[in-house]
Amino acid sequence: MTSTLSSTDADFENFGHKVYLTVSRNNNNENVFLSSASIALAMAMCATGARNETLNQMLRILDASSIDQLTKTAEQIMRIFSTVNNDTQVKLKLVNRLYGQKAYELRQDYLSLVQSSFKADIKLEDFVNDSADVVKTINGWVEEQTNSLIKNLLSSNDVTRDTRLIIVNCIYFKGTWVEQFKEHLTDQNADFHETNDKISKIKLMHQKKTFRYAENNDLNVQIAHLPYESDKHGVRFVFTVILPKRDISLDIVEQKLASKPDLMRRVLSDEDTTKKELLLYLPRFKMEAKFELNDVLIQLGMINAFDGSKADFTGMVSEQDDRTGLYISKVIHKAFVDVNELGSEAAAATAVIMTRCCAFIVEEEQPIEFKADRPFLFFIRETRQNIVLFSGKFASPPTTS
């Protein structure tokens, strides 16, 4: 079934692919896991308070024409999460929260917008006198929202006396495969062929079942979509694996995806897929990653927001209330995934730390072998609205598996 794209569906999707591919390029031959949806929502909440060239740069990177379009896209994503709210099969949670400095006057229209469009709540804290306690408070809340998968998002160095606002987003997902793997078929000592000809050992799950499948000759890859159970008709969650054919480097695949944004969308959609019986082999693994995203976002063109002399966030705080204004001192992102015989569990959190500017800082009907015993890309996605919740690169067996 082909996914339909409306004009707003692709906004955060394009941004997410750009962030993922930039992070991946900066972490060559290393494992990567992140939630592009979490990063997009946190940056969108920030962008709605930006003005002038700071806003223009943020809108360009987020592929939005205006704050209005940005908030409509966010509302659409928030609706998906509320649809799944009482799904008995899929657990999906998204929460946004602003932590502001006590007695620091944020604009009421900004607060109203993030409350209505992003369903964010506001908590007042004392960064000036008690930043260490605020870090503990925020970390505790993030851990609670992510079923204890994301711990210690912030360190004491991330928050200073000059911190005025921290925008936090958390996403949590837990899904059960429609076709579960049988544990006794998992090879506990299988070979995994890394890029550098090194052979590592992994736990490799196996099943022979029918899945949506495609091959892409531009990329020389196999693509398999593993569906999750859900009792809601309006949504469909899948785990998509992009597996380069033998002797094809994952780096080359990613370079092609980076140079042709539409190719990524096409490969991830159900376009060109057919139901095929697969001899499916997939590693059982846990992966955790943490990134500071300042450089990535600057590389993509979001320059002024991180520069204390150029940032304009007067949509958040008026010049009368703070003549020095705000800039983004750090964007921190942490994500975790567990893929096993029963399904997957994943979580991520993003914190945008706003600081006062004065403080710089094939065709045969035989089963097709789909054996992920070499580096591959993987995605947890909602296919009806084409929302990529999580993106990952499995380059070598993670130490947490």
Protein backbone atom coordinates (compact mmCIF):
# COMPACT_ATOMS: atom_id res chain seq x y z
CA MET A 1 0.00 0.00 0.00
CA THR A 2 1.52 3.31 -1.05
CA SER A 3 1.89 6.02 1.59
CA THR A 4 0.30 9.32 0.70
CA LEU A 5 2.17 12.54 1.38
CA SER A 6 0.45 15.84 2.01
CA SER A 7 2.40 19.09 1.86
CA THR A 8 3.10 19.03 5.58
CA ASP A 9 3.86 15.31 5.97
CA ALA A 10 7.32 15.66 4.45
CA ASP A 11 8.46 18.66 6.54
CA PHE A 12 9.98 16.98 9.55
CA GLU A 13 10.74 13.87 7.49
CA ASN A 14 13.23 15.78 5.29
CA PHE A 15 14.72 17.50 8.34
CA GLY A 16 15.01 14.15 10.11
CA HIS A 17 16.83 12.51 7.19
CA LYS A 18 19.24 15.46 6.94
CA VAL A 19 20.03 15.31 10.66
CA TYR A 20 20.43 11.53 10.62
CA LEU A 21 22.69 11.51 7.52
CA THR A 22 24.85 14.35 8.91
CA VAL A 23 25.24 12.61 12.28
CA SER A 24 26.03 9.35 10.49
CA ARG A 25 28.66 11.02 8.27
CA ASN A 26 30.25 12.57 11.38
CA ASN A 27 30.31 9.10 13.00
CA ASN A 28 31.67 7.07 10.11
CA ASN A 29 31.66 3.25 10.63
CA GLU A 30 30.11 3.73 14.08
CA ASN A 31 26.67 2.80 15.35
CA VAL A 32 24.11 5.60 15.30
CA PHE A 33 20.66 5.75 16.85
CA LEU A 34 18.47 8.82 17.23
CA SER A 35 14.89 10.06 17.08
CA SER A 36 14.50 12.59 14.29
CA ALA A 37 10.90 13.22 15.44
CA SER A 38 12.09 14.18 18.94
CA ILE A 39 14.80 16.52 17.60
CA ALA A 40 12.38 18.10 15.09
CA LEU A 41 9.72 18.80 17.71
CA ALA A 42 12.22 20.30 20.18
CA MET A 43 13.72 22.55 17.47
CA ALA A 44 10.24 23.50 16.22
CA MET A 45 9.24 24.63 19.73
CA CYS A 46 12.40 26.72 19.76
CA ALA A 47 11.81 28.12 16.24
CA THR A 48 8.35 29.43 17.12
CA GLY A 49 10.11 31.91 19.47
CA ALA A 50 12.72 32.98 16.89
CA ARG A 51 12.45 36.10 14.76
CA ASN A 52 14.05 37.65 11.64
CA GLU A 53 17.12 35.86 10.18
CA THR A 54 17.32 33.42 13.13
CA LEU A 55 13.76 32.32 12.31
CA ASN A 56 14.42 32.21 8.54
CA GLN A 57 17.39 29.87 9.01
CA MET A 58 15.44 27.59 11.36
CA LEU A 59 12.41 27.45 9.02
CA ARG A 60 14.69 26.64 6.07
CA ILE A 61 16.30 23.71 7.90
CA LEU A 62 12.90 22.47 9.12
CA ASP A 63 11.50 22.78 5.56
CA ALA A 64 8.67 25.04 6.68
CA SER A 65 7.51 28.29 5.09
CA SER A 66 6.19 29.90 8.28
CA ILE A 67 5.61 29.44 12.01
CA ASP A 68 2.01 28.64 11.14
CA GLN A 69 3.03 25.74 8.90
CA LEU A 70 5.52 24.55 11.53
CA THR A 71 2.82 24.40 14.22
CA LYS A 72 0.39 22.62 11.86
CA THR A 73 2.99 19.91 11.22
CA ALA A 74 3.63 19.57 14.95
CA GLU A 75 -0.11 19.31 15.64
CA GLN A 76 -0.38 16.55 13.01
CA ILE A 77 2.37 14.55 14.74
CA MET A 78 0.82 15.15 18.16
CA ARG A 79 -2.48 13.76 16.79
CA ILE A 80 -0.80 10.46 15.80
CA PHE A 81 0.38 10.06 19.38
CA SER A 82 -3.04 10.81 20.84
CA THR A 83 -4.65 8.33 18.38
CA VAL A 84 -2.45 5.56 19.77
CA ASN A 85 -3.02 6.66 23.36
CA ASN A 86 -5.20 3.67 24.33
CA ASP A 87 -3.87 1.14 21.80
CA THR A 88 -3.46 -2.13 23.72
CA GLN A 89 -0.74 -3.41 21.32
CA VAL A 90 1.53 -0.40 20.81
CA LYS A 91 2.78 1.85 23.60
CA LEU A 92 3.61 5.28 22.21
CA LYS A 93 4.20 8.38 24.27
CA LEU A 94 5.31 11.89 23.40
CA VAL A 95 5.69 14.68 25.94
CA ASN A 96 7.02 18.23 25.74
CA ARG A 97 7.98 20.41 28.68
CA LEU A 98 9.57 23.82 29.19
CA TYR A 99 11.72 24.48 32.25
CA GLY A 100 11.97 28.26 32.76
CA GLN A 101 13.83 30.44 35.24
CA LYS A 102 11.60 31.69 38.07
CA ALA A 103 10.62 35.35 37.62
CA TYR A 104 12.03 35.39 34.06
CA GLU A 105 9.34 36.91 31.85
CA LEU A 106 8.69 34.68 28.83
CA ARG A 107 6.14 36.12 26.40
CA GLN A 108 2.61 34.92 27.10
CA ASP A 109 1.79 34.42 23.40
CA TYR A 110 4.85 32.12 23.05
CA LEU A 111 3.80 30.08 26.10
CA SER A 112 0.21 29.85 24.81
CA LEU A 113 1.43 28.62 21.41
CA VAL A 114 3.67 25.85 22.78
CA GLN A 115 0.93 24.81 25.21
CA SER A 116 -1.77 24.58 22.54
CA SER A 117 0.19 23.25 19.52
CA PHE A 118 2.84 21.15 21.27
CA LYS A 119 0.84 20.25 24.41
CA ALA A 120 3.84 21.43 26.43
CA ASP A 121 3.59 22.19 30.11
CA ILE A 122 5.75 24.78 31.88
CA LYS A 123 7.73 24.29 35.09
CA LEU A 124 9.56 27.13 36.86
CA GLU A 125 12.96 26.36 38.37
CA ASP A 126 15.89 28.27 39.85
CA PHE A 127 18.86 27.89 37.50
CA VAL A 128 20.58 30.92 39.06
CA ASN A 129 20.90 29.54 42.60
CA ASP A 130 20.25 25.82 42.23
CA SER A 131 21.32 24.52 38.80
CA ALA A 132 22.56 21.13 40.13
CA ASP A 133 19.12 20.38 41.61
CA VAL A 134 17.37 21.46 38.40
CA VAL A 135 19.53 18.96 36.42
CA LYS A 136 18.44 16.18 38.81
CA THR A 137 14.77 17.23 38.46
CA ILE A 138 14.89 17.25 34.65
CA ASN A 139 16.80 13.94 34.45
CA GLY A 140 14.31 12.32 36.82
CA TRP A 141 11.34 13.49 34.75
CA VAL A 142 12.94 12.28 31.47
CA GLU A 143 13.68 8.88 33.02
CA GLU A 144 10.08 8.57 34.20
CA GLN A 145 8.66 9.51 30.75
CA THR A 146 10.89 7.01 28.90
CA ASN A 147 10.26 3.93 31.07
CA SER A 148 13.77 4.35 32.61
CA LEU A 149 15.47 3.92 29.21
CA ILE A 150 16.93 7.45 29.10
CA LYS A 151 18.97 8.24 32.20
CA ASN A 152 21.17 11.28 32.89
CA LEU A 153 20.23 13.26 29.78
CA LEU A 154 21.88 16.39 31.23
CA SER A 155 25.09 16.77 33.21
CA SER A 156 25.82 19.57 35.68
CA ASN A 157 28.08 21.24 33.05
CA ASP A 158 25.14 21.68 30.67
CA VAL A 159 23.25 24.09 32.92
CA THR A 160 24.68 27.33 34.33
CA ARG A 161 23.56 30.43 36.27
CA ASP A 162 22.84 32.02 32.89
CA THR A 163 20.48 29.27 31.69
CA ARG A 164 17.00 30.77 31.33
CA LEU A 165 14.98 28.08 29.51
CA ILE A 166 15.32 24.38 28.69
CA ILE A 167 12.95 22.90 26.09
CA VAL A 168 12.63 19.12 26.53
CA ASN A 169 10.95 16.50 24.33
CA CYS A 170 10.64 12.78 25.16
CA ILE A 171 9.43 9.96 22.91
CA TYR A 172 8.81 6.36 23.98
CA PHE A 173 7.77 3.41 21.79
CA LYS A 174 7.16 -0.25 22.53
CA GLY A 175 5.81 -2.59 19.88
CA THR A 176 5.32 -6.33 19.40
CA TRP A 177 6.09 -7.95 16.04
CA VAL A 178 3.10 -9.27 14.07
CA GLU A 179 5.45 -12.18 13.23
CA GLN A 180 7.52 -12.89 16.33
CA PHE A 181 10.87 -14.67 16.20
CA LYS A 182 11.21 -17.98 18.06
CA GLU A 183 13.98 -17.79 20.63
CA HIS A 184 15.24 -21.33 19.97
CA LEU A 185 15.99 -20.34 16.35
CA THR A 186 18.29 -17.49 17.42
CA ASP A 187 21.94 -18.26 16.64
CA GLN A 188 23.79 -17.15 19.79
CA ASN A 189 27.17 -17.05 18.06
CA ALA A 190 26.65 -15.86 14.46
CA ASP A 191 29.20 -13.99 12.36
CA PHE A 192 28.75 -10.28 11.59
CA HIS A 193 30.88 -8.85 8.79
CA GLU A 194 31.97 -5.30 9.63
CA THR A 195 33.11 -2.77 7.04
CA ASN A 196 36.81 -3.25 7.75
CA ASP A 197 36.68 -7.03 7.03
CA LYS A 198 36.58 -7.67 10.77
CA ILE A 199 34.23 -10.50 11.79
CA SER A 200 32.41 -10.05 15.11
CA LYS A 201 29.96 -12.30 16.94
CA ILE A 202 26.27 -11.44 17.30
CA LYS A 203 22.98 -13.04 18.32
CA LEU A 204 21.12 -13.52 15.02
CA MET A 205 17.35 -14.10 15.11
CA HIS A 206 15.73 -16.05 12.27
CA GLN A 207 12.32 -16.78 10.76
CA LYS A 208 10.83 -17.78 7.42
CA LYS A 209 7.69 -15.69 6.86
CA THR A 210 6.07 -13.32 4.37
CA PHE A 211 6.91 -9.59 4.63
CA ARG A 212 6.66 -6.51 2.46
CA TYR A 213 9.91 -6.48 0.48
CA ALA A 214 11.65 -4.46 -2.22
CA GLU A 215 15.01 -4.12 -3.92
CA ASN A 216 16.45 -0.82 -5.12
CA ASN A 217 18.94 -1.05 -7.95
CA ASP A 218 20.12 2.59 -7.61
CA LEU A 219 21.33 1.77 -4.12
CA ASN A 220 21.96 -1.98 -4.53
CA VAL A 221 19.98 -2.73 -1.38
CA GLN A 222 17.31 -5.08 -0.08
CA ILE A 223 14.49 -3.52 1.95
CA ALA A 224 12.24 -5.37 4.39
CA HIS A 225 9.33 -3.93 6.40
CA LEU A 226 8.51 -5.80 9.65
CA PRO A 227 5.07 -4.71 10.95
CA TYR A 228 4.12 -4.22 14.60
CA GLU A 229 0.78 -5.26 16.09
CA SER A 230 -1.77 -2.45 16.51
CA ASP A 231 -5.50 -2.38 17.15
CA LYS A 232 -5.95 1.11 15.65
CA HIS A 233 -6.95 1.30 11.98
CA GLY A 234 -5.63 4.83 11.38
CA VAL A 235 -1.99 3.99 12.13
CA ARG A 236 0.55 1.38 11.08
CA PHE A 237 3.97 0.98 12.65
CA VAL A 238 6.83 -0.86 10.96
CA PHE A 239 10.51 -1.61 11.49
CA THR A 240 12.25 -1.04 8.16
CA VAL A 241 15.68 -2.50 7.38
CA ILE A 242 17.80 -1.26 4.46
CA LEU A 243 20.44 -3.93 3.83
CA PRO A 244 23.19 -3.33 1.23
CA LYS A 245 23.84 -6.33 -1.00
CA ARG A 246 27.03 -8.26 -0.27
CA ASP A 247 30.19 -6.32 -1.18
CA ILE A 248 28.26 -3.01 -1.30
CA SER A 249 29.49 -0.51 1.31
CA LEU A 250 26.89 1.08 3.61
CA ASP A 251 28.88 4.36 3.28
CA ILE A 252 28.19 4.46 -0.47
CA VAL A 253 24.49 3.79 0.15
CA GLU A 254 24.33 6.66 2.66
CA GLN A 255 26.17 9.03 0.31
CA LYS A 256 23.61 8.33 -2.43
CA LEU A 257 20.73 8.82 0.04
CA ALA A 258 22.25 12.14 1.17
CA SER A 259 22.57 13.41 -2.42
CA LYS A 260 18.98 12.45 -3.37
CA PRO A 261 16.49 13.27 -0.58
CA ASP A 262 13.56 11.86 -2.57
CA LEU A 263 15.33 8.52 -2.80
CA MET A 264 15.20 8.08 0.99
CA ARG A 265 11.47 8.80 1.01
CA ARG A 266 10.86 6.34 -1.80
CA VAL A 267 12.94 3.58 -0.21
CA LEU A 268 11.12 3.98 3.12
CA SER A 269 7.63 4.07 1.63
CA ASP A 270 5.61 1.02 0.58
CA GLU A 271 6.09 2.03 -3.06
CA ASP A 272 7.44 -0.83 -5.18
CA THR A 273 7.05 -3.35 -2.34
CA THR A 274 5.51 -6.78 -2.80
CA LYS A 275 4.76 -9.47 -0.27
CA LYS A 276 7.54 -12.04 -0.41
CA GLU A 277 8.49 -15.03 1.66
CA LEU A 278 11.78 -14.18 3.32
CA LEU A 279 14.46 -16.18 5.06
CA LEU A 280 14.85 -13.31 7.50
CA TYR A 281 17.88 -12.94 9.75
CA LEU A 282 18.06 -9.95 12.09
CA PRO A 283 20.44 -9.27 15.00
CA ARG A 284 19.09 -9.14 18.53
CA PHE A 285 20.64 -6.02 20.02
CA LYS A 286 20.47 -3.05 22.36
CA MET A 287 21.97 0.25 21.29
CA GLU A 288 22.41 3.56 23.10
CA ALA A 289 23.71 6.84 21.70
CA LYS A 290 24.16 10.41 22.90
CA PHE A 291 24.91 13.41 20.70
CA GLU A 292 25.45 17.11 21.16
CA LEU A 293 23.83 18.44 18.00
CA ASN A 294 25.12 22.06 17.87
CA ASP A 295 27.66 21.36 15.10
CA VAL A 296 25.23 19.21 13.11
CA LEU A 297 22.55 21.93 13.10
CA ILE A 298 25.14 24.64 12.27
CA GLN A 299 26.40 22.43 9.39
CA LEU A 300 22.82 22.31 8.09
CA GLY A 301 22.58 26.12 8.16
CA MET A 302 21.07 26.94 11.58
CA ILE A 303 23.86 29.42 12.38
CA ASN A 304 22.46 32.50 14.12
CA ALA A 305 20.54 30.57 16.80
CA PHE A 306 23.85 29.38 18.33
CA ASP A 307 25.61 32.77 18.14
CA GLY A 308 25.09 35.01 21.17
CA SER A 309 25.75 38.15 19.10
CA LYS A 310 23.29 37.24 16.31
CA ALA A 311 20.52 35.10 17.85
CA ASP A 312 17.06 36.66 17.86
CA PHE A 313 14.56 34.93 20.13
CA THR A 314 12.48 38.02 20.83
CA GLY A 315 9.39 35.90 20.17
CA MET A 316 10.17 34.16 23.49
CA VAL A 317 11.29 37.10 25.59
CA SER A 318 10.86 40.80 24.82
CA GLU A 319 13.79 43.22 24.77
CA GLN A 320 12.17 45.17 27.63
CA ASP A 321 12.24 42.05 29.82
CA ASP A 322 15.78 40.94 28.86
CA ARG A 323 17.93 43.38 26.90
CA THR A 324 20.67 40.78 26.35
CA GLY A 325 18.28 38.19 24.84
CA LEU A 326 18.72 34.41 24.48
CA TYR A 327 20.71 32.04 22.29
CA ILE A 328 20.95 28.22 22.11
CA SER A 329 23.98 27.08 24.10
CA LYS A 330 23.44 23.32 23.62
CA VAL A 331 21.16 20.80 21.93
CA ILE A 332 21.55 17.41 23.61
CA HIS A 333 19.97 14.21 22.33
CA LYS A 334 20.03 10.73 23.81
CA ALA A 335 18.36 7.58 22.44
CA PHE A 336 18.09 3.88 23.26
CA VAL A 337 16.70 0.85 21.38
CA ASP A 338 16.20 -2.82 22.25
CA VAL A 339 15.37 -5.19 19.35
CA ASN A 340 14.53 -8.77 20.35
CA GLU A 341 12.44 -11.82 19.42
CA LEU A 342 9.18 -10.31 20.70
CA GLY A 343 9.46 -6.78 19.31
CA SER A 344 11.23 -3.49 19.97
CA GLU A 345 11.40 -0.87 22.69
CA ALA A 346 12.87 2.54 21.98
CA ALA A 347 13.08 5.94 23.63
CA ALA A 348 14.72 9.30 23.07
CA ALA A 349 14.94 12.72 24.66
CA THR A 350 16.10 16.08 23.32
CA ALA A 351 16.98 19.13 25.41
CA VAL A 352 17.46 22.60 23.88
CA ILE A 353 19.26 24.79 26.42
CA MET A 354 18.63 28.53 26.04
CA THR A 355 21.16 30.83 27.71
CA ARG A 356 21.44 34.60 28.18
CA CYS A 357 23.58 36.14 25.44
CA CYS A 358 25.98 37.85 27.85
CA ALA A 359 27.38 34.43 28.82
CA PHE A 360 29.22 32.93 25.79
CA ILE A 361 29.95 29.55 25.99
CA VAL A 362 14.85 -10.86 -6.91
CA GLU A 363 11.95 -12.45 -9.11
CA GLU A 364 12.10 -16.18 -8.20
CA GLU A 365 9.31 -17.34 -5.94
CA GLN A 366 11.81 -19.05 -3.67
CA PRO A 367 12.18 -17.54 -0.20
CA ILE A 368 14.55 -14.57 -0.53
CA GLU A 369 17.44 -14.52 1.90
CA PHE A 370 17.50 -11.28 3.90
CA LYS A 371 20.46 -11.77 6.20
CA ALA A 372 21.49 -8.71 8.21
CA ASP A 373 24.93 -10.10 9.04
CA ARG A 374 26.64 -6.95 7.71
CA PRO A 375 26.13 -3.19 8.36
CA PHE A 376 22.57 -1.96 7.73
CA LEU A 377 20.20 0.96 8.36
CA PHE A 378 17.01 0.58 10.41
CA PHE A 379 13.99 2.77 11.10
CA ILE A 380 10.91 2.63 13.36
CA ARG A 381 8.14 4.35 11.40
CA GLU A 382 4.45 5.18 11.25
CA THR A 383 3.60 4.60 7.59
CA ARG A 384 0.17 6.21 7.17
CA GLN A 385 1.53 9.71 7.87
CA ASN A 386 5.11 8.81 6.88
CA ILE A 387 6.62 9.75 10.24
CA VAL A 388 10.07 8.39 11.07
CA LEU A 389 10.17 8.07 14.86
CA PHE A 390 13.66 6.58 15.16
CA SER A 391 16.60 6.08 12.75
CA GLY A 392 19.66 3.91 13.23
CA LYS A 393 22.82 2.50 11.72
CA PHE A 394 24.08 -0.92 12.85
CA ALA A 395 27.79 -0.86 11.91
CA SER A 396 29.14 -3.25 14.54
CA PRO A 397 27.75 -5.22 17.51
CA PRO A 398 26.89 -2.66 20.23
CA THR A 399 28.55 -3.22 23.59
CA THR A 400 25.12 -3.06 25.27
CA SER A 401 23.67 -6.03 23.31
